């Protein structure tokens, strides 16, 4: 039996006005066997032009860039009304709510802080290429606090829709270990941190997350966390 040919690497564009940041991102991402950097841009206008010309699988955009900021570039590449939207992950130093909401409204499928670390950066690229999304864990927790807040608290920012499956109506209940993983996701832990806390391998955590997504009909870890918050599993003392 002839083995399947290897999948082509994920093609990435990096846009950041700091040369050292672009160099660092390229160095790490090009070292991944399944990722290759095909273009770099130092400002938003160049990023949009290169993205439209090169059609990368994933665009990594900084927010504060000359000529055109990352939020506007995101809207032009992935926003409502774009005929063939691209997969955009916003990567920034600035942990501000208005940036998070602006990026998600503009069509971004991920939002990472630059101090999230290279491993999470690669995970975000892979998730975006697969049609999923990844948001920095610390931002996820704050975002979900807004999403699950009572309507009387005022403005509720856009976010993932509530999971259609409640804890009481699950066709197949989560196992105790799956619930442990869900609680830690809801508290903003990365996969590596979850593996360390539960004393299991990283692959085991990913297997549990895949099972949880299927049972909850959740598209990504943000929706898993939303389900946990809405069903009372996000309290630190619940562990």
Protein backbone atom coordinates (compact mmCIF):
# COMPACT_ATOMS: atom_id res chain seq x y z
CA UNK A 1 0.00 0.00 0.00
CA UNK A 2 1.43 3.35 -1.07
CA UNK A 3 1.63 5.81 1.85
CA UNK A 4 -0.20 9.11 1.52
CA UNK A 5 2.06 11.96 0.41
CA UNK A 6 2.97 14.36 3.21
CA UNK A 7 0.75 17.40 3.60
CA UNK A 8 2.27 20.66 2.35
CA UNK A 9 3.50 22.97 5.12
CA UNK A 10 1.26 25.72 6.47
CA UNK A 11 2.22 28.94 4.68
CA UNK A 12 2.46 31.94 7.02
CA UNK A 13 2.76 35.71 6.58
CA UNK A 14 4.24 37.73 9.48
CA UNK A 15 3.43 41.44 9.80
CA UNK A 16 5.10 43.47 12.55
CA UNK A 17 6.89 46.82 12.50
CA UNK A 18 9.71 45.47 14.69
CA UNK A 19 12.37 43.63 12.74
CA UNK A 20 13.47 41.63 15.79
CA UNK A 21 9.94 40.33 16.35
CA UNK A 22 9.60 39.23 12.73
CA UNK A 23 13.00 37.56 12.86
CA UNK A 24 12.14 35.72 16.09
CA UNK A 25 8.79 34.52 14.79
CA UNK A 26 10.32 33.39 11.49
CA UNK A 27 13.17 31.56 13.22
CA UNK A 28 10.81 29.56 15.41
CA UNK A 29 8.05 28.91 12.86
CA UNK A 30 10.45 27.89 10.08
CA UNK A 31 11.93 25.34 12.52
CA UNK A 32 8.55 23.58 12.68
CA UNK A 33 8.28 20.67 10.22
CA UNK A 34 4.75 21.63 9.18
CA UNK A 35 5.06 25.44 8.96
CA UNK A 36 6.92 27.76 6.58
CA UNK A 37 7.07 31.56 6.52
CA UNK A 38 6.45 32.83 2.97
CA UNK A 39 6.31 36.60 3.52
CA UNK A 40 7.13 39.40 5.97
CA UNK A 41 5.69 42.91 6.19
CA UNK A 42 6.71 45.91 8.29
CA UNK A 43 3.40 47.78 8.06
CA UNK A 44 -0.30 47.12 7.53
CA UNK A 45 -0.53 48.25 3.92
CA UNK A 46 2.36 46.01 2.91
CA UNK A 47 0.78 43.13 4.87
CA UNK A 48 -2.53 43.44 2.99
CA UNK A 49 -0.81 43.67 -0.38
CA UNK A 50 1.47 40.68 0.31
CA UNK A 51 -1.38 38.61 1.72
CA UNK A 52 -3.54 39.21 -1.34
CA UNK A 53 -0.63 38.35 -3.64
CA UNK A 54 0.82 35.33 -1.79
CA UNK A 55 -2.45 33.93 -0.33
CA UNK A 56 -0.80 32.43 2.80
CA UNK A 57 -2.75 29.94 4.87
CA UNK A 58 -2.38 32.10 7.99
CA UNK A 59 -1.57 35.79 8.52
CA UNK A 60 0.04 36.85 11.81
CA UNK A 61 -0.67 40.56 12.30
CA UNK A 62 0.54 42.99 14.94
CA UNK A 63 -1.94 45.72 15.93
CA UNK A 64 0.15 48.89 16.13
CA UNK A 65 1.80 49.23 12.73
CA UNK A 66 2.53 52.24 10.47
CA UNK A 67 0.27 53.30 7.58
CA UNK A 68 -2.47 50.77 8.45
CA UNK A 69 -3.04 49.19 11.84
CA UNK A 70 -3.56 45.48 12.35
CA UNK A 71 -7.27 45.78 13.14
CA UNK A 72 -8.01 47.51 9.84
CA UNK A 73 -5.73 45.07 7.99
CA UNK A 74 -7.65 42.21 9.61
CA UNK A 75 -10.96 43.69 8.47
CA UNK A 76 -9.68 44.04 4.89
CA UNK A 77 -8.41 40.45 4.80
CA UNK A 78 -10.99 38.58 6.87
CA UNK A 79 -13.86 40.90 7.73
CA UNK A 80 -17.53 40.82 6.81
CA UNK A 81 -18.02 41.24 3.09
CA UNK A 82 -14.62 39.85 2.08
CA UNK A 83 -15.31 37.45 -0.78
CA UNK A 84 -12.51 35.02 0.04
CA UNK A 85 -11.57 35.71 3.69
CA UNK A 86 -8.18 34.71 4.98
CA UNK A 87 -7.21 33.20 8.32
CA UNK A 88 -5.83 35.96 10.57
CA UNK A 89 -4.27 35.65 14.02
CA UNK A 90 -3.59 38.93 15.81
CA UNK A 91 -0.40 38.85 17.89
CA UNK A 92 0.23 41.89 20.07
CA UNK A 93 1.88 43.24 23.20
CA UNK A 94 -1.23 45.17 24.17
CA UNK A 95 -3.74 43.29 26.33
CA UNK A 96 -6.65 45.71 25.88
CA UNK A 97 -10.29 44.66 25.68
CA UNK A 98 -11.06 46.98 22.77
CA UNK A 99 -8.27 45.35 20.74
CA UNK A 100 -9.55 41.85 21.49
CA UNK A 101 -13.13 42.70 20.54
CA UNK A 102 -12.04 44.74 17.52
CA UNK A 103 -9.93 41.86 16.22
CA UNK A 104 -12.70 39.29 16.68
CA UNK A 105 -15.30 41.58 15.12
CA UNK A 106 -12.91 42.17 12.22
CA UNK A 107 -12.73 38.47 11.42
CA UNK A 108 -9.62 37.30 13.30
CA UNK A 109 -9.70 33.64 14.26
CA UNK A 110 -7.10 34.03 16.99
CA UNK A 111 -5.67 36.59 19.41
CA UNK A 112 -2.35 36.04 21.16
CA UNK A 113 -0.13 38.13 23.39
CA UNK A 114 3.52 38.20 22.34
CA UNK A 115 4.55 36.85 25.74
CA UNK A 116 2.37 33.74 25.26
CA UNK A 117 5.47 31.88 24.11
CA UNK A 118 6.53 30.20 20.86
CA UNK A 119 4.68 26.94 21.52
CA UNK A 120 1.32 28.68 21.75
CA UNK A 121 2.18 30.68 18.64
CA UNK A 122 2.68 27.48 16.65
CA UNK A 123 -0.54 26.05 18.12
CA UNK A 124 -2.42 29.17 17.01
CA UNK A 125 -1.05 28.87 13.47
CA UNK A 126 -2.06 25.21 13.26
CA UNK A 127 -5.49 25.91 14.73
CA UNK A 128 -6.12 28.74 12.27
CA UNK A 129 -5.01 26.63 9.31
CA UNK A 130 -7.38 23.87 10.43
CA UNK A 131 -10.30 26.31 10.59
CA UNK A 132 -10.27 26.48 14.38
CA UNK A 133 -9.38 29.36 16.67
CA UNK A 134 -7.11 30.00 19.62
CA UNK A 135 -7.13 32.91 22.03
CA UNK A 136 -4.48 33.50 24.70
CA UNK A 137 -5.63 31.72 27.86
CA UNK A 138 -5.53 34.84 30.04
CA UNK A 139 -7.68 36.69 27.50
CA UNK A 140 -10.07 33.74 27.23
CA UNK A 141 -10.84 33.92 30.93
CA UNK A 142 -11.56 37.66 30.84
CA UNK A 143 -13.56 37.37 27.63
CA UNK A 144 -15.72 34.64 29.08
CA UNK A 145 -16.35 36.65 32.22
CA UNK A 146 -17.91 39.29 29.97
CA UNK A 147 -19.78 36.77 27.83
CA UNK A 148 -21.37 35.01 30.81
CA UNK A 149 -22.09 38.18 32.79
CA UNK A 150 -25.78 39.03 33.41
CA UNK A 151 -27.33 41.32 30.80
CA UNK A 152 -27.92 43.93 33.51
CA UNK A 153 -24.19 44.60 33.74
CA UNK A 154 -24.34 46.56 30.50
CA UNK A 155 -22.26 46.08 27.36
CA UNK A 156 -21.53 42.49 26.41
CA UNK A 157 -18.78 42.15 23.82
CA UNK A 158 -19.07 39.77 20.90
CA UNK A 159 -17.72 36.33 21.54
CA UNK A 160 -18.32 32.66 20.85
CA UNK A 161 -21.95 31.59 20.91
CA UNK A 162 -23.01 29.57 23.95
CA UNK A 163 -22.57 25.87 23.50
CA UNK A 164 -25.92 24.35 22.43
CA UNK A 165 -25.43 21.45 24.82
CA UNK A 166 -26.08 21.88 28.54
CA UNK A 167 -24.60 19.64 31.21
CA UNK A 168 -28.02 18.13 31.85
CA UNK A 169 -28.69 17.23 28.21
CA UNK A 170 -25.37 15.71 27.15
CA UNK A 171 -26.02 12.53 25.16
CA UNK A 172 -22.72 11.17 26.44
CA UNK A 173 -21.53 12.62 29.76
CA UNK A 174 -17.97 13.79 30.21
CA UNK A 175 -15.69 11.49 32.14
CA UNK A 176 -14.14 12.69 35.39
CA UNK A 177 -10.81 13.20 33.67
CA UNK A 178 -12.43 15.09 30.80
CA UNK A 179 -14.11 17.37 33.35
CA UNK A 180 -10.70 17.97 34.96
CA UNK A 181 -9.38 19.09 31.57
CA UNK A 182 -12.44 21.27 30.92
CA UNK A 183 -12.07 23.04 34.28
CA UNK A 184 -8.44 23.85 33.57
CA UNK A 185 -9.24 25.10 30.07
CA UNK A 186 -11.88 27.39 31.60
CA UNK A 187 -9.31 28.76 34.03
CA UNK A 188 -7.01 29.72 31.17
CA UNK A 189 -4.44 26.93 31.35
CA UNK A 190 -2.45 25.96 28.27
CA UNK A 191 -2.29 22.35 27.12
CA UNK A 192 1.20 22.02 28.59
CA UNK A 193 0.04 23.42 31.93
CA UNK A 194 -2.93 21.05 31.94
CA UNK A 195 -0.62 18.10 31.29
CA UNK A 196 1.61 19.17 34.19
CA UNK A 197 -1.30 19.69 36.58
CA UNK A 198 -2.87 16.31 35.80
CA UNK A 199 0.45 14.45 35.46
CA UNK A 200 -0.38 13.17 31.98
CA UNK A 201 1.24 13.55 28.57
CA UNK A 202 0.50 16.40 26.18
CA UNK A 203 -0.96 13.92 23.69
CA UNK A 204 -3.34 12.64 26.37
CA UNK A 205 -4.59 16.18 26.98
CA UNK A 206 -5.18 16.66 23.25
CA UNK A 207 -7.06 13.36 23.09
CA UNK A 208 -9.32 14.43 25.97
CA UNK A 209 -9.93 17.81 24.34
CA UNK A 210 -10.91 16.15 21.04
CA UNK A 211 -13.38 13.93 22.88
CA UNK A 212 -14.79 16.90 24.81
CA UNK A 213 -15.26 18.92 21.61
CA UNK A 214 -17.21 16.07 20.06
CA UNK A 215 -19.44 15.57 23.11
CA UNK A 216 -20.14 19.27 23.56
CA UNK A 217 -20.46 20.07 19.84
CA UNK A 218 -17.86 22.79 20.54
CA UNK A 219 -15.77 24.16 17.68
CA UNK A 220 -12.74 25.14 19.74
CA UNK A 221 -11.34 25.53 23.25
CA UNK A 222 -13.01 28.92 23.68
CA UNK A 223 -16.42 27.27 23.33
CA UNK A 224 -15.31 24.51 25.71
CA UNK A 225 -14.40 27.17 28.26
CA UNK A 226 -17.72 28.97 27.65
CA UNK A 227 -19.59 25.72 28.36
CA UNK A 228 -17.65 25.26 31.59
CA UNK A 229 -18.41 28.80 32.76
CA UNK A 230 -22.09 28.48 31.90
CA UNK A 231 -22.41 25.14 33.69
CA UNK A 232 -20.52 26.01 36.87
CA UNK A 233 -17.22 24.26 36.22
CA UNK A 234 -14.99 27.34 36.06
CA UNK A 235 -14.53 27.99 39.77
CA UNK A 236 -10.95 27.50 41.02
CA UNK A 237 -12.32 25.58 44.00
CA UNK A 238 -14.05 23.15 41.65
CA UNK A 239 -10.76 21.35 41.04
